[in-house]
Protein backbone atom coordinates (compact mmCIF):
# COMPACT_ATOMS: atom_id res chain seq x y z
CA LEU A 1 0.00 0.00 0.00
CA THR A 2 1.17 3.48 -0.77
CA LEU A 3 0.79 6.35 1.67
CA THR A 4 -1.91 7.97 -0.48
CA LYS A 5 -3.93 4.75 -0.67
CA SER A 6 -3.55 4.25 3.09
CA VAL A 7 -4.81 7.77 3.87
CA ILE A 8 -7.77 7.41 1.50
CA ASP A 9 -8.76 4.18 3.24
CA MET A 10 -8.88 5.93 6.65
CA PRO A 11 -12.28 7.64 6.96
CA LEU A 12 -11.34 9.58 10.12
CA ILE A 13 -8.23 11.11 8.55
CA ASN A 14 -10.23 11.87 5.41
CA SER A 15 -12.91 13.62 7.50
CA VAL A 16 -10.30 15.62 9.42
CA VAL A 17 -8.72 16.86 6.18
CA TYR A 18 -12.11 17.91 4.79
CA GLU A 19 -13.01 19.68 8.06
CA VAL A 20 -9.72 21.59 8.14
CA LEU A 21 -10.24 22.69 4.55
CA ARG A 22 -13.79 23.78 5.41
CA LEU A 23 -12.69 25.85 8.42
CA ASN A 24 -9.52 27.23 6.78
CA PRO A 25 -10.17 27.30 3.04
CA PRO A 26 -7.24 27.89 0.68
CA VAL A 27 -9.11 30.93 -0.70
CA PRO A 28 -10.16 32.98 2.35
CA LEU A 29 -12.76 35.11 0.56
CA GLN A 30 -14.71 34.51 -2.59
CA TYR A 31 -15.67 37.57 -4.52
CA ALA A 32 -18.72 36.31 -6.38
CA ARG A 33 -20.57 38.85 -8.49
CA GLU A 34 -23.94 38.66 -10.18
CA LYS A 35 -23.79 38.24 -13.95
CA LYS A 36 -26.80 40.48 -14.51
CA ARG A 37 -28.83 42.79 -12.32
CA TYR A 38 -31.43 40.96 -10.23
CA HIS A 39 -34.75 42.66 -9.48
CA SER A 40 -37.34 41.09 -7.21
CA ALA A 41 -40.96 41.55 -8.19
């Protein structure tokens, strides 16, 4: 088994990595803009 395969097979480690990425994302802020003006009726 390779290290990558071993880590993928460990659900707890996998969950920890996803949680860390959720709490500390690589891109701290996303600047999303609307493509066209939205008006509510």
